[in-house]
Amino acid sequence: MYRLFYLVVLLVPVIEAGEVIDAIHERAYLRCGVSTGFTGFSSIDEHGQWIGFDVDFCRALSAALFNDPSRVEFVPLTNKDRFLSLNKGHIDVLSRVTSWNFKRDTSLGVVFSAISFYDGQSVMVDAASNIQTLADLDQKSVCLITGSTTERNLFERVDQMGLSIEPVIFTTASAMMRAYQLNRCDAITTDRVSLEIIQQEITTPDRQHRVLDEYIAKEPLAVAVGRQDMDWLLLTRWVMYVMIIAEEWGINQMNVNEWFDSDALPNSQRRFLNGGGYHELQAMGLKPGWVKQVIELVGNYSDVFQRNFKPLGIKRDLNRLWVDGGLLYAPPFE
């Protein structure tokens, strides 16, 4: 009996974290690629601090790795340089209003780990204009950001509809927004939630704006990493998933310690808050309690969404939990 047990132990592989995780631990901080400025997702506040939905996900990764959400270097990237920076190892993770599609997933040397936000591409126009539908864009100018899925989606859609438009192209969202405000284009197109945020930022008593009801395309925004470290891919994926699962179970930033300290906490939820068993922890370079750290220091999905989007009047809509009629769904923890 003892001899058999000894052989079984020898057959269990030694699992160690991958090279990206090792490098992050060695430098003692995470490098996170974000946008150059998109209110709600990633921007710099009046105190010079990065804030936003995408920013908070990187803080959650830092909380999981270091029990400290502040060990993050935020690297602002344009559409043009975001994937190159990830490929060259200038950043560890891209959390930057980036849509997941087949071409990007198979041809850019990057891989998407989890959808963080469900959205769709739309168009915004001056409320006083005669543009009521996409068909009314014929012979109109449209501001957009180059190097994005919105550029290709728009051209494909207008071609299908037999329309002719004049594209006015920019490399950053802020430049695009300023041009639209200065009437350099008749319409502006990007993800719908971003348009709703822009709509609030630029609306004045003498100029109102309207987001069209029609969608041009679906835009699942996702976190991306390089292909060289499967363990890092899994870690980024499961940090997002545990934030969703915590919301499903009603565990949030305010009550997580109460849950964890409860003698009546079911074993399955205690294992969840501890973050898995020995081999899972070793593979991802984590310590027991990493899930609790993420929820306590950053929050569950709802905490992060409400903190960044509720002040802007953005509703959950597609990003509600699946049990509430939304698309937000995470695989079971066990």
Protein backbone atom coordinates (compact mmCIF):
# COMPACT_ATOMS: atom_id res chain seq x y z
CA MET A 1 0.00 0.00 0.00
CA TYR A 2 2.74 2.47 0.93
CA ARG A 3 4.81 1.56 -2.12
CA LEU A 4 1.85 2.21 -4.46
CA PHE A 5 1.16 5.56 -2.83
CA TYR A 6 4.81 6.56 -3.27
CA LEU A 7 4.66 5.79 -6.99
CA VAL A 8 1.53 7.87 -7.43
CA VAL A 9 3.20 10.84 -5.80
CA LEU A 10 6.16 10.54 -8.18
CA LEU A 11 3.83 10.63 -11.17
CA VAL A 12 2.28 13.97 -10.17
CA PRO A 13 4.02 16.64 -12.29
CA VAL A 14 5.67 19.65 -10.74
CA ILE A 15 3.68 22.65 -11.97
CA GLU A 16 5.26 26.09 -12.17
CA ALA A 17 4.01 29.40 -13.43
CA GLY A 18 4.87 30.52 -16.97
CA GLU A 19 7.45 33.03 -18.14
CA VAL A 20 5.19 36.10 -18.22
CA ILE A 21 3.99 35.51 -14.68
CA ASP A 22 7.59 34.93 -13.56
CA ALA A 23 8.66 38.19 -15.20
CA ILE A 24 5.83 40.12 -13.55
CA HIS A 25 6.79 38.74 -10.14
CA GLU A 26 10.45 39.53 -10.75
CA ARG A 27 9.81 43.18 -11.64
CA ALA A 28 7.10 43.36 -8.90
CA TYR A 29 4.53 45.14 -11.02
CA LEU A 30 2.22 44.56 -14.00
CA ARG A 31 2.34 46.50 -17.29
CA CYS A 32 -1.15 47.14 -18.61
CA GLY A 33 -2.01 48.61 -22.01
CA VAL A 34 -4.99 50.98 -21.93
CA SER A 35 -6.51 53.57 -24.26
CA THR A 36 -5.15 57.07 -24.61
CA GLY A 37 -8.32 58.30 -22.94
CA PHE A 38 -11.92 57.05 -23.05
CA THR A 39 -14.14 58.18 -20.19
CA GLY A 40 -15.59 55.24 -18.30
CA PHE A 41 -13.01 52.78 -19.64
CA SER A 42 -9.63 54.42 -19.03
CA SER A 43 -8.77 58.03 -18.34
CA ILE A 44 -6.73 60.16 -15.94
CA ASP A 45 -8.60 61.94 -13.14
CA GLU A 46 -7.92 65.35 -11.61
CA HIS A 47 -5.38 63.78 -9.26
CA GLY A 48 -3.35 62.28 -12.10
CA GLN A 49 -4.58 58.74 -11.38
CA TRP A 50 -5.79 56.27 -13.98
CA ILE A 51 -9.46 55.33 -13.52
CA GLY A 52 -12.00 53.32 -15.49
CA PHE A 53 -13.49 49.90 -16.15
CA ASP A 54 -10.47 48.62 -18.11
CA VAL A 55 -8.13 50.13 -15.52
CA ASP A 56 -9.91 48.34 -12.68
CA PHE A 57 -9.45 44.98 -14.38
CA CYS A 58 -5.69 45.51 -14.37
CA ARG A 59 -5.89 46.50 -10.72
CA ALA A 60 -7.76 43.23 -10.12
CA LEU A 61 -4.89 41.31 -11.75
CA SER A 62 -2.46 43.15 -9.49
CA ALA A 63 -4.59 42.32 -6.45
CA ALA A 64 -4.55 38.63 -7.43
CA LEU A 65 -0.78 38.56 -7.94
CA PHE A 66 0.44 40.87 -5.16
CA ASN A 67 -2.48 41.44 -2.76
CA ASP A 68 -2.03 45.06 -3.84
CA PRO A 69 -4.08 46.71 -6.62
CA SER A 70 -1.59 49.52 -7.13
CA ARG A 71 1.30 47.55 -8.63
CA VAL A 72 0.37 48.47 -12.20
CA GLU A 73 2.13 50.58 -14.80
CA PHE A 74 -0.49 51.87 -17.23
CA VAL A 75 0.70 52.28 -20.81
CA PRO A 76 -1.59 54.42 -23.04
CA LEU A 77 -1.81 52.97 -26.55
CA THR A 78 -3.49 53.93 -29.81
CA ASN A 79 -5.35 51.46 -32.02
CA LYS A 80 -2.31 51.34 -34.29
CA ASP A 81 0.29 50.34 -31.70
CA ARG A 82 -1.72 48.26 -29.19
CA PHE A 83 -1.12 44.79 -30.71
CA LEU A 84 2.50 45.55 -31.65
CA SER A 85 3.21 46.58 -28.05
CA LEU A 86 1.73 43.31 -26.81
CA ASN A 87 3.69 41.26 -29.36
CA LYS A 88 6.98 42.94 -28.48
CA GLY A 89 6.44 42.39 -24.78
CA HIS A 90 6.20 46.09 -23.93
CA ILE A 91 3.02 45.29 -21.99
CA ASP A 92 1.80 42.15 -20.23
CA VAL A 93 -1.90 42.55 -20.92
CA LEU A 94 -4.10 44.69 -23.16
CA SER A 95 -7.22 45.95 -21.39
CA ARG A 96 -8.27 48.59 -23.87
CA VAL A 97 -11.76 48.74 -25.48
CA THR A 98 -10.60 46.11 -27.97
CA SER A 99 -13.03 43.92 -29.93
CA TRP A 100 -12.47 40.17 -30.18
CA ASN A 101 -12.78 38.70 -33.67
CA PHE A 102 -11.49 35.75 -35.68
CA LYS A 103 -8.84 37.66 -37.62
CA ARG A 104 -7.26 39.19 -34.55
CA ASP A 105 -7.40 35.93 -32.64
CA THR A 106 -5.61 33.96 -35.37
CA SER A 107 -3.24 36.31 -37.20
CA LEU A 108 -1.79 38.88 -34.80
CA GLY A 109 0.17 36.69 -32.42
CA VAL A 110 -2.15 37.54 -29.55
CA VAL A 111 -4.96 35.64 -27.87
CA PHE A 112 -8.11 36.91 -26.18
CA SER A 113 -8.79 35.58 -22.71
CA ALA A 114 -12.31 36.72 -21.79
CA ILE A 115 -15.02 39.11 -22.92
CA SER A 116 -15.15 41.95 -20.42
CA PHE A 117 -17.91 44.06 -21.98
CA TYR A 118 -20.63 43.35 -24.55
CA ASP A 119 -21.34 46.24 -26.90
CA GLY A 120 -22.30 47.06 -30.48
CA GLN A 121 -21.19 49.68 -32.99
CA SER A 122 -23.54 52.57 -33.68
CA VAL A 123 -23.59 56.14 -34.99
CA MET A 124 -24.18 59.50 -33.29
CA VAL A 125 -25.38 62.65 -35.05
CA ASP A 126 -26.50 66.15 -34.22
CA ALA A 127 -30.07 65.93 -32.97
CA ALA A 128 -31.04 68.78 -35.29
CA SER A 129 -29.81 66.93 -38.40
CA ASN A 130 -32.03 65.04 -40.81
CA ILE A 131 -30.11 61.80 -40.22
CA GLN A 132 -32.59 59.38 -38.66
CA THR A 133 -31.28 56.02 -39.91
CA LEU A 134 -28.09 54.56 -41.37
CA ALA A 135 -29.53 55.05 -44.85
CA ASP A 136 -29.48 58.80 -44.26
CA LEU A 137 -25.66 58.74 -44.07
CA ASP A 138 -25.49 58.69 -47.87
CA GLN A 139 -23.23 61.53 -49.10
CA LYS A 140 -22.42 62.44 -45.48
CA SER A 141 -19.05 62.63 -43.70
CA VAL A 142 -18.35 60.27 -40.78
CA CYS A 143 -15.61 60.64 -38.15
CA LEU A 144 -13.97 57.39 -37.06
CA ILE A 145 -10.78 55.94 -35.59
CA THR A 146 -8.41 54.15 -37.94
CA GLY A 147 -7.01 50.71 -37.17
CA SER A 148 -10.23 49.65 -35.46
CA THR A 149 -13.00 47.19 -36.26
CA THR A 150 -15.37 50.17 -36.48
CA GLU A 151 -13.57 51.35 -39.63
CA ARG A 152 -13.99 48.06 -41.49
CA ASN A 153 -17.52 47.48 -40.15
CA LEU A 154 -18.69 50.87 -41.36
CA PHE A 155 -17.24 50.47 -44.87
CA GLU A 156 -18.74 46.98 -45.22
CA ARG A 157 -22.15 48.15 -44.05
CA VAL A 158 -22.36 51.19 -46.33
CA ASP A 159 -21.20 49.03 -49.26
CA GLN A 160 -23.97 46.54 -48.53
CA MET A 161 -26.50 49.37 -48.41
CA GLY A 162 -25.17 50.99 -51.58
CA LEU A 163 -24.26 54.23 -49.80
CA SER A 164 -21.41 56.65 -50.39
CA ILE A 165 -19.79 58.33 -47.38
CA GLU A 166 -16.77 60.54 -46.76
CA PRO A 167 -14.62 59.05 -43.97
CA VAL A 168 -12.77 61.50 -41.71
CA ILE A 169 -10.11 59.40 -40.00
CA PHE A 170 -8.28 59.91 -36.68
CA THR A 171 -5.89 57.91 -34.52
CA THR A 172 -7.37 58.77 -31.10
CA ALA A 173 -10.85 59.07 -29.65
CA SER A 174 -10.17 62.56 -28.29
CA ALA A 175 -9.15 63.88 -31.72
CA MET A 176 -12.23 62.29 -33.29
CA MET A 177 -14.51 63.84 -30.69
CA ARG A 178 -13.01 67.32 -31.12
CA ALA A 179 -13.44 67.13 -34.90
CA TYR A 180 -17.08 66.16 -34.53
CA GLN A 181 -17.65 69.05 -32.13
CA LEU A 182 -16.11 71.42 -34.67
CA ASN A 183 -18.52 70.14 -37.36
CA ARG A 184 -15.78 68.54 -39.43
CA CYS A 185 -18.11 65.58 -39.94
CA ASP A 186 -21.84 64.94 -39.98
CA ALA A 187 -21.67 61.82 -37.81
CA ILE A 188 -19.37 59.88 -35.54
CA THR A 189 -19.15 56.11 -35.15
CA THR A 190 -17.72 53.82 -32.47
CA ASP A 191 -19.05 51.44 -29.80
CA ARG A 192 -22.51 52.44 -28.58
CA VAL A 193 -21.63 52.84 -24.90
CA SER A 194 -18.68 55.04 -25.83
CA LEU A 195 -21.02 57.15 -27.97
CA GLU A 196 -23.45 57.50 -25.06
CA ILE A 197 -20.60 58.71 -22.87
CA ILE A 198 -19.36 61.13 -25.55
CA GLN A 199 -22.96 62.32 -25.99
CA GLN A 200 -23.07 63.41 -22.36
CA GLU A 201 -19.64 65.01 -22.43
CA ILE A 202 -20.29 67.27 -25.43
CA THR A 203 -24.00 68.06 -25.09
CA THR A 204 -24.64 71.76 -24.48
CA PRO A 205 -27.85 73.79 -24.10
CA ASP A 206 -27.59 74.91 -27.72
CA ARG A 207 -26.53 71.58 -29.23
CA GLN A 208 -28.03 68.16 -28.57
CA HIS A 209 -26.94 64.81 -30.00
CA ARG A 210 -28.69 61.55 -30.86
CA VAL A 211 -27.38 57.98 -31.03
CA LEU A 212 -29.15 56.06 -33.79
CA ASP A 213 -31.15 52.99 -32.78
CA GLU A 214 -29.54 50.80 -35.46
CA TYR A 215 -26.43 48.74 -34.81
CA ILE A 216 -23.72 48.41 -37.46
CA ALA A 217 -22.04 45.38 -35.86
CA LYS A 218 -21.58 43.53 -32.58
CA GLU A 219 -18.53 44.52 -30.55
CA PRO A 220 -17.47 42.09 -27.81
CA LEU A 221 -14.72 43.93 -25.94
CA ALA A 222 -12.12 41.59 -24.51
CA VAL A 223 -8.80 41.35 -22.69
CA ALA A 224 -5.83 40.19 -24.80
CA VAL A 225 -2.43 38.69 -23.93
CA GLY A 226 0.53 37.26 -25.85
CA ARG A 227 0.60 33.62 -26.91
CA GLN A 228 3.79 32.64 -25.11
CA ASP A 229 2.33 31.86 -21.66
CA MET A 230 -0.80 29.71 -21.27
CA ASP A 231 -0.75 30.17 -17.50
CA TRP A 232 -0.92 33.95 -17.88
CA LEU A 233 -3.81 33.54 -20.32
CA LEU A 234 -5.65 31.40 -17.76
CA LEU A 235 -4.98 33.84 -14.95
CA THR A 236 -6.34 36.83 -16.87
CA ARG A 237 -9.36 34.77 -17.93
CA TRP A 238 -10.19 33.57 -14.45
CA VAL A 239 -9.72 36.91 -12.74
CA MET A 240 -12.53 38.16 -14.97
CA TYR A 241 -14.61 35.05 -14.35
CA VAL A 242 -14.29 35.11 -10.55
CA MET A 243 -15.52 38.71 -10.56
CA ILE A 244 -18.63 37.53 -12.43
CA ILE A 245 -19.12 34.44 -10.23
CA ALA A 246 -18.80 36.57 -7.09
CA GLU A 247 -21.64 38.77 -8.34
CA GLU A 248 -23.75 35.67 -9.06
CA TRP A 249 -23.27 34.55 -5.45
CA GLY A 250 -23.87 38.00 -3.99
CA ILE A 251 -20.28 38.39 -2.77
CA ASN A 252 -19.15 41.97 -3.19
CA GLN A 253 -16.54 44.42 -1.98
CA MET A 254 -18.62 45.40 1.04
CA ASN A 255 -19.43 41.94 2.38
CA VAL A 256 -16.59 39.66 1.22
CA ASN A 257 -14.88 39.67 4.63
CA GLU A 258 -18.16 38.83 6.33
CA TRP A 259 -18.60 35.90 3.94
CA PHE A 260 -15.04 34.71 4.40
CA ASP A 261 -15.17 34.87 8.23
CA SER A 262 -18.53 33.11 8.47
CA ASP A 263 -18.45 29.67 10.10
CA ALA A 264 -21.50 28.79 8.01
CA LEU A 265 -19.81 29.43 4.66
CA PRO A 266 -20.26 26.37 2.40
CA ASN A 267 -17.06 24.54 1.49
CA SER A 268 -17.55 25.28 -2.22
CA GLN A 269 -17.63 29.03 -1.59
CA ARG A 270 -14.70 28.87 0.84
CA ARG A 271 -12.66 27.06 -1.82
CA PHE A 272 -13.76 29.72 -4.29
CA LEU A 273 -12.62 32.62 -2.11
CA ASN A 274 -9.34 30.81 -1.40
CA GLY A 275 -8.83 30.51 -5.15
CA GLY A 276 -8.46 26.79 -5.81
CA GLY A 277 -6.08 24.02 -4.78
CA TYR A 278 -2.31 23.67 -4.64
CA HIS A 279 -1.64 22.85 -8.29
CA GLU A 280 -3.93 25.58 -9.68
CA LEU A 281 -2.27 28.15 -7.43
CA GLN A 282 1.24 27.01 -8.39
CA ALA A 283 0.47 27.11 -12.12
CA MET A 284 -0.74 30.69 -11.98
CA GLY A 285 1.82 32.00 -9.50
CA LEU A 286 -0.83 32.81 -6.91
CA LYS A 287 -1.27 32.36 -3.17
CA PRO A 288 -4.31 31.10 -1.24
CA GLY A 289 -6.97 33.77 -0.87
CA TRP A 290 -6.31 35.49 -4.20
CA VAL A 291 -10.01 35.54 -5.14
CA LYS A 292 -10.90 37.19 -1.83
CA GLN A 293 -8.13 39.73 -2.48
CA VAL A 294 -9.59 40.63 -5.89
CA ILE A 295 -13.11 41.13 -4.52
CA GLU A 296 -11.98 42.95 -1.39
CA LEU A 297 -9.52 45.31 -3.06
CA VAL A 298 -11.26 45.93 -6.42
CA GLY A 299 -14.74 44.37 -6.34
CA ASN A 300 -16.96 41.98 -8.24
CA TYR A 301 -18.15 42.74 -11.77
CA SER A 302 -21.08 44.81 -10.54
CA ASP A 303 -18.89 46.85 -8.19
CA VAL A 304 -16.54 47.74 -11.04
CA PHE A 305 -19.35 48.47 -13.51
CA GLN A 306 -21.30 50.66 -11.10
CA ARG A 307 -18.21 52.57 -9.96
CA ASN A 308 -17.22 53.52 -13.50
CA PHE A 309 -20.45 53.69 -15.48
CA LYS A 310 -23.28 54.52 -13.08
CA PRO A 311 -22.11 58.16 -12.67
CA LEU A 312 -22.27 58.40 -16.47
CA GLY A 313 -25.83 57.06 -16.62
CA ILE A 314 -24.79 53.89 -18.48
CA LYS A 315 -27.06 50.90 -17.84
CA ARG A 316 -26.01 47.26 -17.65
CA ASP A 317 -28.21 46.14 -20.60
CA LEU A 318 -26.28 43.35 -22.38
CA ASN A 319 -23.83 43.27 -19.49
CA ARG A 320 -26.37 42.05 -16.97
CA LEU A 321 -25.89 38.57 -15.52
CA TRP A 322 -27.36 35.76 -17.60
CA VAL A 323 -29.89 35.06 -14.83
CA ASP A 324 -31.10 38.65 -15.21
CA GLY A 325 -31.53 38.44 -18.98
CA GLY A 326 -28.05 39.65 -19.98
CA LEU A 327 -25.11 37.97 -21.72
CA LEU A 328 -22.72 37.92 -18.76
CA TYR A 329 -21.87 34.30 -18.06
CA ALA A 330 -18.86 32.61 -16.47
CA PRO A 331 -17.99 28.88 -16.39
CA PRO A 332 -18.40 27.28 -12.96
CA PHE A 333 -15.41 27.55 -10.64
CA GLU A 334 -15.54 23.83 -9.91
